[in-house]
C-alpha atoms as a PDB file:
ATOM      1  CA  MET A   1      -4.585   3.198 -13.793  1.00  0.00           C
ATOM      2  CA  ASP A   2      -5.991   6.429 -12.492  1.00  0.00           C
ATOM      3  CA  PRO A   3      -3.670   7.926  -9.812  1.00  0.00           C
ATOM      4  CA  GLU A   4      -6.660   9.217  -7.827  1.00  0.00           C
ATOM      5  CA  GLN A   5      -8.207   5.739  -7.665  1.00  0.00           C
ATOM      6  CA  VAL A   6      -4.896   4.244  -6.534  1.00  0.00           C
ATOM      7  CA  ALA A   7      -4.539   6.910  -3.839  1.00  0.00           C
ATOM      8  CA  GLU A   8      -8.103   6.258  -2.648  1.00  0.00           C
ATOM      9  CA  ALA A   9      -7.490   2.481  -2.521  1.00  0.00           C
ATOM     10  CA  VAL A  10      -4.309   3.006  -0.485  1.00  0.00           C
ATOM     11  CA  LYS A  11      -6.190   5.351   1.861  1.00  0.00           C
ATOM     12  CA  ARG A  12      -8.957   2.748   2.410  1.00  0.00           C
ATOM     13  CA  LEU A  13      -6.382   0.018   3.011  1.00  0.00           C
ATOM     14  CA  LEU A  14      -4.567   2.122   5.598  1.00  0.00           C
ATOM     15  CA  ALA A  15      -7.865   2.924   7.330  1.00  0.00           C
ATOM     16  CA  TYR A  16      -8.583  -0.812   7.490  1.00  0.00           C
ATOM     17  CA  LEU A  17      -5.130  -1.771   8.755  1.00  0.00           C
ATOM     18  CA  ARG A  18      -4.758   1.095  11.211  1.00  0.00           C
ATOM     19  CA  PRO A  19      -8.309   2.056  12.162  1.00  0.00           C
ATOM     20  CA  PHE A  20      -7.510   4.751  14.713  1.00  0.00           C
ATOM     21  CA  GLU A  21      -5.084   6.641  12.440  1.00  0.00           C
ATOM     22  CA  SER A  22      -7.460   7.770   9.725  1.00  0.00           C
ATOM     23  CA  GLY A  23      -9.499  10.934   9.691  1.00  0.00           C
ATOM     24  CA  SER A  24     -10.227  12.958  12.815  1.00  0.00           C
ATOM     25  CA  LEU A  25      -9.246  10.087  15.099  1.00  0.00           C
ATOM     26  CA  SER A  26      -5.520  10.683  14.597  1.00  0.00           C
ATOM     27  CA  ARG A  27      -3.762  12.735  17.232  1.00  0.00           C
ATOM     28  CA  SER A  28      -0.288  11.274  17.169  1.00  0.00           C
ATOM     29  CA  GLY A  29       2.212  12.598  14.722  1.00  0.00           C
ATOM     30  CA  GLY A  30       2.556   9.619  12.371  1.00  0.00           C
ATOM     31  CA  ALA A  31       5.413   7.172  12.064  1.00  0.00           C
ATOM     32  CA  ALA A  32       8.545   8.032  13.914  1.00  0.00           C
ATOM     33  CA  GLN A  33      12.178   7.465  13.270  1.00  0.00           C
ATOM     34  CA  GLY A  34      14.360   5.882  15.889  1.00  0.00           C
ATOM     35  CA  ALA A  35      12.286   2.914  17.064  1.00  0.00           C
ATOM     36  CA  ARG A  36      14.194   0.834  19.586  1.00  0.00           C
ATOM     37  CA  ILE A  37      14.378  -2.861  20.269  1.00  0.00           C
ATOM     38  CA  PRO A  38      12.593  -3.965  23.474  1.00  0.00           C
ATOM     39  CA  GLU A  39      15.796  -4.505  25.480  1.00  0.00           C
ATOM     40  CA  GLU A  40      16.811  -0.864  24.890  1.00  0.00           C
ATOM     41  CA  MET A  41      13.378   0.647  25.577  1.00  0.00           C
ATOM     42  CA  ASP A  42      13.630   3.122  28.446  1.00  0.00           C
ATOM     43  CA  PHE A  43      10.248   4.855  28.041  1.00  0.00           C
ATOM     44  CA  SER A  44      11.844   8.291  28.049  1.00  0.00           C
ATOM     45  CA  VAL A  45      10.757   8.466  24.424  1.00  0.00           C
ATOM     46  CA  THR A  46       8.166  10.859  23.068  1.00  0.00           C
ATOM     47  CA  ALA A  47       4.593   9.719  22.457  1.00  0.00           C
ATOM     48  CA  SER A  48       5.088   9.710  18.681  1.00  0.00           C
ATOM     49  CA  GLU A  49       7.662   6.893  18.713  1.00  0.00           C
ATOM     50  CA  LEU A  50       6.864   3.252  18.149  1.00  0.00           C
ATOM     51  CA  LEU A  51       6.543   0.511  20.766  1.00  0.00           C
ATOM     52  CA  PRO A  52       8.448  -2.680  19.938  1.00  0.00           C
ATOM     53  CA  VAL A  53       6.591  -5.888  20.830  1.00  0.00           C
ATOM     54  CA  LYS A  54       7.416  -9.502  20.073  1.00  0.00           C
ATOM     55  CA  ASP A  55       5.079 -11.272  17.642  1.00  0.00           C
ATOM     56  CA  VAL A  56       5.589 -14.867  18.769  1.00  0.00           C
ATOM     57  CA  ASP A  57       3.553 -16.395  15.930  1.00  0.00           C
ATOM     58  CA  ARG A  58       5.755 -14.826  13.255  1.00  0.00           C
ATOM     59  CA  ASP A  59       8.963 -14.760  15.351  1.00  0.00           C
ATOM     60  CA  GLN A  60       9.571 -11.079  14.697  1.00  0.00           C
ATOM     61  CA  ILE A  61       9.458  -7.707  16.410  1.00  0.00           C
ATOM     62  CA  ARG A  62       6.422  -5.556  15.579  1.00  0.00           C
ATOM     63  CA  LEU A  63       6.429  -1.785  16.033  1.00  0.00           C
ATOM     64  CA  LEU A  64       3.131  -0.364  17.272  1.00  0.00           C
ATOM     65  CA  ALA A  65       2.093   3.284  17.197  1.00  0.00           C
ATOM     66  CA  ARG A  66      -0.013   4.719  20.033  1.00  0.00           C
ATOM     67  CA  HIS A  67      -3.138   4.955  17.900  1.00  0.00           C
ATOM     68  CA  GLU A  68      -3.032   1.208  17.103  1.00  0.00           C
ATOM     69  CA  ILE A  69      -3.343   0.210  20.753  1.00  0.00           C
ATOM     70  CA  THR A  70      -6.859  -0.440  22.070  1.00  0.00           C
ATOM     71  CA  ALA A  71      -5.863  -1.480  25.588  1.00  0.00           C
ATOM     72  CA  VAL A  72      -3.082  -2.669  27.842  1.00  0.00           C
ATOM     73  CA  LEU A  73      -4.050  -5.302  30.400  1.00  0.00           C
ATOM     74  CA  ARG A  74      -1.876  -6.714  33.148  1.00  0.00           C
ATOM     75  CA  ARG A  75      -2.374 -10.432  33.831  1.00  0.00           C
ATOM     76  CA  GLU A  76      -0.225 -13.457  34.556  1.00  0.00           C
ATOM     77  CA  ARG A  77       2.812 -11.302  35.382  1.00  0.00           C
ATOM     78  CA  ARG A  78       2.791  -9.803  31.882  1.00  0.00           C
ATOM     79  CA  SER A  79       1.369  -6.744  30.172  1.00  0.00           C
ATOM     80  CA  TRP A  80      -0.818  -7.647  27.189  1.00  0.00           C
ATOM     81  CA  VAL A  81      -0.907  -4.956  24.516  1.00  0.00           C
ATOM     82  CA  HIS A  82      -4.172  -5.259  22.565  1.00  0.00           C
ATOM     83  CA  THR A  83      -4.781  -3.955  19.061  1.00  0.00           C
ATOM     84  CA  VAL A  84      -7.970  -4.366  17.040  1.00  0.00           C
ATOM     85  CA  ARG A  85      -6.789  -7.680  15.581  1.00  0.00           C
ATOM     86  CA  GLU A  86      -4.169  -9.151  17.943  1.00  0.00           C
ATOM     87  CA  GLU A  87      -2.636  -9.196  21.413  1.00  0.00           C
ATOM     88  CA  PHE A  88       1.039  -9.132  22.352  1.00  0.00           C
ATOM     89  CA  ALA A  89       2.476 -10.354  25.649  1.00  0.00           C
ATOM     90  CA  THR A  90       5.253  -8.113  26.998  1.00  0.00           C
ATOM     91  CA  TYR A  91       7.210  -7.677  30.197  1.00  0.00           C
ATOM     92  CA  TYR A  92       6.855  -3.876  30.175  1.00  0.00           C
ATOM     93  CA  PRO A  93       5.524  -2.561  33.500  1.00  0.00           C
ATOM     94  CA  LEU A  94       2.028  -1.116  33.173  1.00  0.00           C
ATOM     95  CA  SER A  95       3.166   2.177  34.743  1.00  0.00           C
ATOM     96  CA  ASP A  96       5.863   2.591  32.067  1.00  0.00           C
ATOM     97  CA  LEU A  97       3.389   1.810  29.289  1.00  0.00           C
ATOM     98  CA  MET A  98       0.910   4.311  30.721  1.00  0.00           C
ATOM     99  CA  ARG A  99       3.619   6.973  30.769  1.00  0.00           C
ATOM    100  CA  TRP A 100       4.589   6.112  27.166  1.00  0.00           C
ATOM    101  CA  LEU A 101       0.956   6.267  26.026  1.00  0.00           C
ATOM    102  CA  GLY A 102       0.899   9.819  27.385  1.00  0.00           C
ATOM    103  CA  GLY A 103      -2.675  10.302  28.559  1.00  0.00           C
ATOM    104  CA  ASP A 104      -5.466  11.357  26.192  1.00  0.00           C
ATOM    105  CA  PRO A 105      -7.062   9.279  24.647  1.00  0.00           C
ATOM    106  CA  PHE A 106      -5.791   6.634  27.104  1.00  0.00           C
ATOM    107  CA  ILE A 107      -7.257   6.301  30.570  1.00  0.00           C
ATOM    108  CA  GLN A 108      -6.473   3.897  33.389  1.00  0.00           C
ATOM    109  CA  VAL A 109      -9.751   2.232  34.346  1.00  0.00           C
ATOM    110  CA  GLY A 110      -8.337  -0.241  36.810  1.00  0.00           C
ATOM    111  CA  ARG A 111      -5.226  -1.238  38.605  1.00  0.00           C
ATOM    112  CA  HIS A 112      -4.473  -3.643  35.762  1.00  0.00           C
ATOM    113  CA  ALA A 113      -6.127  -1.952  32.783  1.00  0.00           C
ATOM    114  CA  VAL A 114      -5.547   1.025  30.480  1.00  0.00           C
ATOM    115  CA  VAL A 115      -7.943   1.627  27.572  1.00  0.00           C
ATOM    116  CA  ASN A 116      -8.007   3.803  24.487  1.00  0.00           C
ATOM    117  CA  LEU A 117     -11.231   5.843  24.694  1.00  0.00           C
ATOM    118  CA  ARG A 118     -11.533   5.696  20.901  1.00  0.00           C
ATOM    119  CA  ALA A 119     -11.547   1.892  20.995  1.00  0.00           C
ATOM    120  CA  ILE A 120     -14.507   1.583  23.366  1.00  0.00           C
ATOM    121  CA  ASP A 121     -17.487  -0.078  21.740  1.00  0.00           C
ATOM    122  CA  GLN A 122     -19.858   0.010  24.711  1.00  0.00           C
ATOM    123  CA  ILE A 123     -19.952   1.115  28.346  1.00  0.00           C
ATOM    124  CA  ASN A 124     -22.409  -0.581  30.711  1.00  0.00           C
ATOM    125  CA  HIS A 125     -23.251   1.229  33.932  1.00  0.00           C
ATOM    126  CA  TYR A 126     -24.584  -1.156  36.540  1.00  0.00           C
ATOM    127  CA  GLY A 127     -24.760   0.429  39.980  1.00  0.00           C
ATOM    128  CA  ASP A 128     -23.021   3.145  41.894  1.00  0.00           C
ATOM    129  CA  ARG A 129     -19.713   3.850  40.126  1.00  0.00           C
ATOM    130  CA  LEU A 130     -19.638   0.427  38.490  1.00  0.00           C
ATOM    131  CA  TYR A 131     -18.811   0.257  34.801  1.00  0.00           C
ATOM    132  CA  ARG A 132     -17.987  -2.521  32.377  1.00  0.00           C
ATOM    133  CA  VAL A 133     -16.203  -1.447  29.189  1.00  0.00           C
ATOM    134  CA  ARG A 134     -16.324  -3.486  25.970  1.00  0.00           C
ATOM    135  CA  LEU A 135     -13.624  -2.828  23.367  1.00  0.00           C
ATOM    136  CA  ARG A 136     -13.765  -2.854  19.587  1.00  0.00           C
ATOM    137  CA  ASP A 137     -11.314  -5.679  19.113  1.00  0.00           C
ATOM    138  CA  ARG A 138     -11.616  -9.110  17.547  1.00  0.00           C
ATOM    139  CA  VAL A 139     -12.829 -10.774  20.758  1.00  0.00           C
ATOM    140  CA  GLY A 140     -14.875  -7.924  22.265  1.00  0.00           C
ATOM    141  CA  THR A 141     -12.666  -7.710  25.358  1.00  0.00           C
ATOM    142  CA  GLU A 142     -14.600  -6.647  28.465  1.00  0.00           C
ATOM    143  CA  ILE A 143     -12.962  -4.810  31.353  1.00  0.00           C
ATOM    144  CA  THR A 144     -14.592  -4.038  34.679  1.00  0.00           C
ATOM    145  CA  ALA A 145     -13.499  -0.623  35.890  1.00  0.00           C
ATOM    146  CA  SER A 146     -12.338  -0.221  39.464  1.00  0.00           C
ATOM    147  CA  ARG A 147     -14.067   2.413  41.606  1.00  0.00           C
ATOM    148  CA  THR A 148     -11.242   4.872  40.945  1.00  0.00           C
ATOM    149  CA  GLY A 149     -11.242   3.962  37.249  1.00  0.00           C
ATOM    150  CA  ALA A 150     -15.023   4.396  37.149  1.00  0.00           C
ATOM    151  CA  THR A 151     -14.634   7.883  38.618  1.00  0.00           C
ATOM    152  CA  ARG A 152     -12.054   8.740  35.933  1.00  0.00           C
ATOM    153  CA  LEU A 153     -14.290   7.282  33.240  1.00  0.00           C
ATOM    154  CA  ALA A 154     -17.347   9.200  34.482  1.00  0.00           C
ATOM    155  CA  ALA A 155     -15.321  12.430  34.503  1.00  0.00           C
ATOM    156  CA  VAL A 156     -14.307  11.894  30.875  1.00  0.00           C
ATOM    157  CA  LEU A 157     -17.839  10.968  29.836  1.00  0.00           C
ATOM    158  CA  ASN A 158     -19.299  14.053  31.553  1.00  0.00           C
ATOM    159  CA  LYS A 159     -16.898  16.325  29.639  1.00  0.00           C
ATOM    160  CA  GLN A 160     -18.094  15.112  26.254  1.00  0.00           C
ATOM    161  CA  PRO A 161     -20.985  16.926  24.557  1.00  0.00           C
END
């Protein structure tokens, strides 16, 4: 086997499995040492560490990097951490998750919603400061931005070339 072909295949596989890590989309510093179990998580960690979430289907703890997260939505007294392919129900407070995510490329678009700007598939503007955001995840999650969230979103969109 040609080592270059193997390296290219591994690179493509990683881009498929972790779509926001590859190429120019990566801003976090890669995998971190020192991931903690959820009961010990105090959110005083740096943005490069991993977030432990419970994968109920497989009965195991998954460790998510910042760049894997497309959105965090608060509903039914839980915070749902969305990735491109799955969602994880947690009891982490949304404010703590927002602090852990550390800002750019994450933006709070509503009282109960934080989105990764790189995971936005489409933004629909329908009226004065009214936006609906559709994510690039397996179900095409749609989030209606609050007025404050719409103002934040418009500010970010106006900065881009």
